[in-house]
């Protein structure tokens, strides 16, 4: 019975390797960053007073906007998409599906970042020097009550994406 599906390109299996490894590393770094905020940065800041909390978050938000973070943040998305396309083209459908799953999970994390966390970070920066803010406690509460839960979801989404990429790595040399 003839099929219109191309035969898997077994010799090309390593071709998807570099992109898939890069995606996995970048995704692991992203998941780790969000996890570190969940388990250490935010709980540590919670122990301080309002002024210290807000000043620290303003400084962290400013410092994170750098080339290396941008490379990892956007690189995870790009490398995952490239790896998925390569796996699909080379007949590694199962590995490609897991990679597409990773891309969907990471897209959710990116959407939260762009739609919730970054706007909150910007509002916090626009509030100005914590020494001049009148309602420190209210600003802190409003920021924290949204930013922290959103970050927990980003952590879960990136961790799920990392798990998907791990599964894709185990399947990438198998046809089908």
Protein backbone atom coordinates (compact mmCIF):
# COMPACT_ATOMS: atom_id res chain seq x y z
CA UNK A 1 0.00 0.00 0.00
CA UNK A 2 1.72 3.23 -1.11
CA UNK A 3 1.99 6.16 1.24
CA UNK A 4 2.56 9.81 0.53
CA UNK A 5 4.67 10.23 3.66
CA UNK A 6 8.40 10.60 3.05
CA UNK A 7 10.60 7.93 4.51
CA UNK A 8 12.40 9.02 7.67
CA UNK A 9 15.88 10.35 6.98
CA UNK A 10 17.87 8.24 9.43
CA UNK A 11 21.19 9.76 8.41
CA UNK A 12 19.89 13.26 9.18
CA UNK A 13 18.89 12.51 12.80
CA UNK A 14 21.93 14.34 14.18
CA UNK A 15 20.96 17.44 12.18
CA UNK A 16 18.28 18.34 14.72
CA UNK A 17 20.68 17.74 17.59
CA UNK A 18 22.33 21.17 17.95
CA UNK A 19 19.04 23.09 17.89
CA UNK A 20 17.37 20.60 20.24
CA UNK A 21 20.27 20.71 22.68
CA UNK A 22 20.36 24.52 22.54
CA UNK A 23 16.60 24.63 23.14
CA UNK A 24 16.90 22.27 26.10
CA UNK A 25 19.74 24.23 27.68
CA UNK A 26 17.98 27.58 27.20
CA UNK A 27 14.72 26.14 28.51
CA UNK A 28 16.49 24.73 31.56
CA UNK A 29 18.05 28.11 32.26
CA UNK A 30 14.66 29.81 31.92
CA UNK A 31 12.90 27.31 34.17
CA UNK A 32 15.73 27.66 36.70
CA UNK A 33 15.52 31.44 36.70
CA UNK A 34 11.79 31.45 37.37
CA UNK A 35 12.17 28.70 39.96
CA UNK A 36 14.89 30.69 41.76
CA UNK A 37 12.48 33.60 42.07
CA UNK A 38 9.78 31.26 43.44
CA UNK A 39 11.92 29.60 46.10
CA UNK A 40 14.49 32.20 47.10
CA UNK A 41 14.31 35.71 45.63
CA UNK A 42 10.68 36.51 46.37
CA UNK A 43 10.54 34.72 49.76
CA UNK A 44 13.75 36.52 50.72
CA UNK A 45 12.39 39.89 49.69
CA UNK A 46 9.12 39.18 51.54
CA UNK A 47 11.14 39.23 54.77
CA UNK A 48 12.17 42.83 54.24
CA UNK A 49 10.36 46.11 54.61
CA UNK A 50 8.34 47.72 51.81
CA UNK A 51 11.04 50.16 50.75
CA UNK A 52 13.73 47.46 50.52
CA UNK A 53 11.37 45.13 48.66
CA UNK A 54 10.42 47.72 46.04
CA UNK A 55 13.95 49.04 45.58
CA UNK A 56 15.31 45.51 45.17
CA UNK A 57 12.65 44.58 42.61
CA UNK A 58 13.30 47.79 40.66
CA UNK A 59 17.02 46.97 40.62
CA UNK A 60 16.45 43.33 39.62
CA UNK A 61 14.06 44.35 36.84
CA UNK A 62 16.58 46.83 35.49
CA UNK A 63 19.53 44.43 35.75
CA UNK A 64 17.77 41.54 34.01
CA UNK A 65 17.34 43.55 30.83
CA UNK A 66 20.67 42.52 29.34
CA UNK A 67 21.95 40.71 26.27
CA UNK A 68 22.58 37.38 27.92
CA UNK A 69 19.08 37.20 29.36
CA UNK A 70 17.64 38.23 25.99
CA UNK A 71 19.66 35.54 24.24
CA UNK A 72 18.30 32.85 26.57
CA UNK A 73 14.73 34.21 26.65
CA UNK A 74 14.36 34.53 22.87
CA UNK A 75 16.83 31.75 22.08
CA UNK A 76 14.71 29.18 23.91
CA UNK A 77 11.77 30.06 21.69
CA UNK A 78 13.75 30.18 18.46
CA UNK A 79 15.80 27.03 19.07
CA UNK A 80 12.71 25.06 20.07
CA UNK A 81 10.90 26.09 16.88
CA UNK A 82 13.94 25.30 14.72
CA UNK A 83 14.38 21.91 16.39
CA UNK A 84 10.70 21.07 15.89
CA UNK A 85 10.90 21.96 12.21
CA UNK A 86 14.06 19.92 11.71
CA UNK A 87 12.64 16.91 13.49
CA UNK A 88 9.44 17.14 11.45
CA UNK A 89 11.36 17.41 8.16
CA UNK A 90 13.51 14.40 9.02
CA UNK A 91 10.58 12.15 9.82
CA UNK A 92 10.96 12.25 13.59
CA UNK A 93 7.27 12.88 14.15
CA UNK A 94 7.12 11.72 17.78
CA UNK A 95 10.10 13.85 18.78
CA UNK A 96 8.68 16.76 16.79
CA UNK A 97 5.33 16.49 18.62
CA UNK A 98 7.09 16.71 21.98
CA UNK A 99 9.08 19.69 20.71
CA UNK A 100 5.89 21.41 19.54
CA UNK A 101 4.45 20.72 22.99
CA UNK A 102 7.50 22.39 24.51
CA UNK A 103 7.02 25.37 22.22
CA UNK A 104 3.38 25.69 23.29
CA UNK A 105 4.32 25.56 26.98
CA UNK A 106 7.06 28.12 26.51
CA UNK A 107 4.74 30.34 24.46
CA UNK A 108 2.45 30.40 27.52
CA UNK A 109 5.38 31.50 29.69
CA UNK A 110 6.33 34.20 27.18
CA UNK A 111 2.71 35.39 27.02
CA UNK A 112 2.61 35.71 30.82
CA UNK A 113 5.93 37.54 30.81
CA UNK A 114 4.88 40.01 28.13
CA UNK A 115 1.28 40.37 29.28
CA UNK A 116 1.65 40.43 33.06
CA UNK A 117 5.16 40.47 34.53
CA UNK A 118 6.80 43.04 32.26
CA UNK A 119 3.92 45.55 32.55
CA UNK A 120 4.05 45.17 36.35
CA UNK A 121 7.81 45.69 36.28
CA UNK A 122 7.35 48.84 34.19
CA UNK A 123 4.70 50.21 36.54
CA UNK A 124 7.01 49.59 39.44
CA UNK A 125 9.82 51.48 37.67
CA UNK A 126 7.47 54.34 36.82
CA UNK A 127 6.52 54.66 40.48
CA UNK A 128 9.95 56.20 41.00
CA UNK A 129 12.35 56.16 43.90
CA UNK A 130 10.90 54.19 46.82
CA UNK A 131 11.96 57.04 49.13
CA UNK A 132 9.40 59.27 47.40
CA UNK A 133 6.51 56.81 47.08
CA UNK A 134 3.73 57.60 49.56
CA UNK A 135 1.87 54.27 49.57
CA UNK A 136 4.73 51.76 49.64
CA UNK A 137 2.69 48.98 51.24
CA UNK A 138 -0.17 49.32 48.74
CA UNK A 139 2.22 49.34 45.76
CA UNK A 140 4.07 46.32 47.11
CA UNK A 141 0.86 44.40 47.73
CA UNK A 142 -0.58 45.20 44.31
CA UNK A 143 2.67 44.18 42.60
CA UNK A 144 3.22 41.02 44.63
CA UNK A 145 -0.35 39.73 44.48
CA UNK A 146 -0.15 39.47 40.68
CA UNK A 147 3.56 39.09 39.90
CA UNK A 148 4.26 36.15 42.23
CA UNK A 149 1.39 33.88 41.07
CA UNK A 150 2.19 34.69 37.44
CA UNK A 151 5.80 33.73 38.01
CA UNK A 152 4.74 30.40 39.54
CA UNK A 153 2.79 29.62 36.38
CA UNK A 154 5.81 30.63 34.26
CA UNK A 155 7.91 28.22 36.29
CA UNK A 156 5.44 25.40 35.70
CA UNK A 157 5.17 26.19 31.98
CA UNK A 158 8.95 26.28 31.49
CA UNK A 159 9.41 23.12 33.53
CA UNK A 160 6.78 21.35 31.42
CA UNK A 161 8.55 22.62 28.28
CA UNK A 162 11.85 21.29 29.62
CA UNK A 163 10.27 17.88 30.26
CA UNK A 164 8.89 17.85 26.72
CA UNK A 165 12.30 18.67 25.28
CA UNK A 166 13.87 15.92 27.38
CA UNK A 167 11.41 13.46 25.89
CA UNK A 168 12.13 14.79 22.39
CA UNK A 169 15.86 14.21 22.99
CA UNK A 170 15.19 10.56 23.84
CA UNK A 171 13.06 10.11 20.70
CA UNK A 172 15.05 12.11 18.17
CA UNK A 173 17.01 9.20 16.74
CA UNK A 174 13.91 7.00 16.36
CA UNK A 175 11.86 7.13 13.18
CA UNK A 176 8.16 7.89 13.47
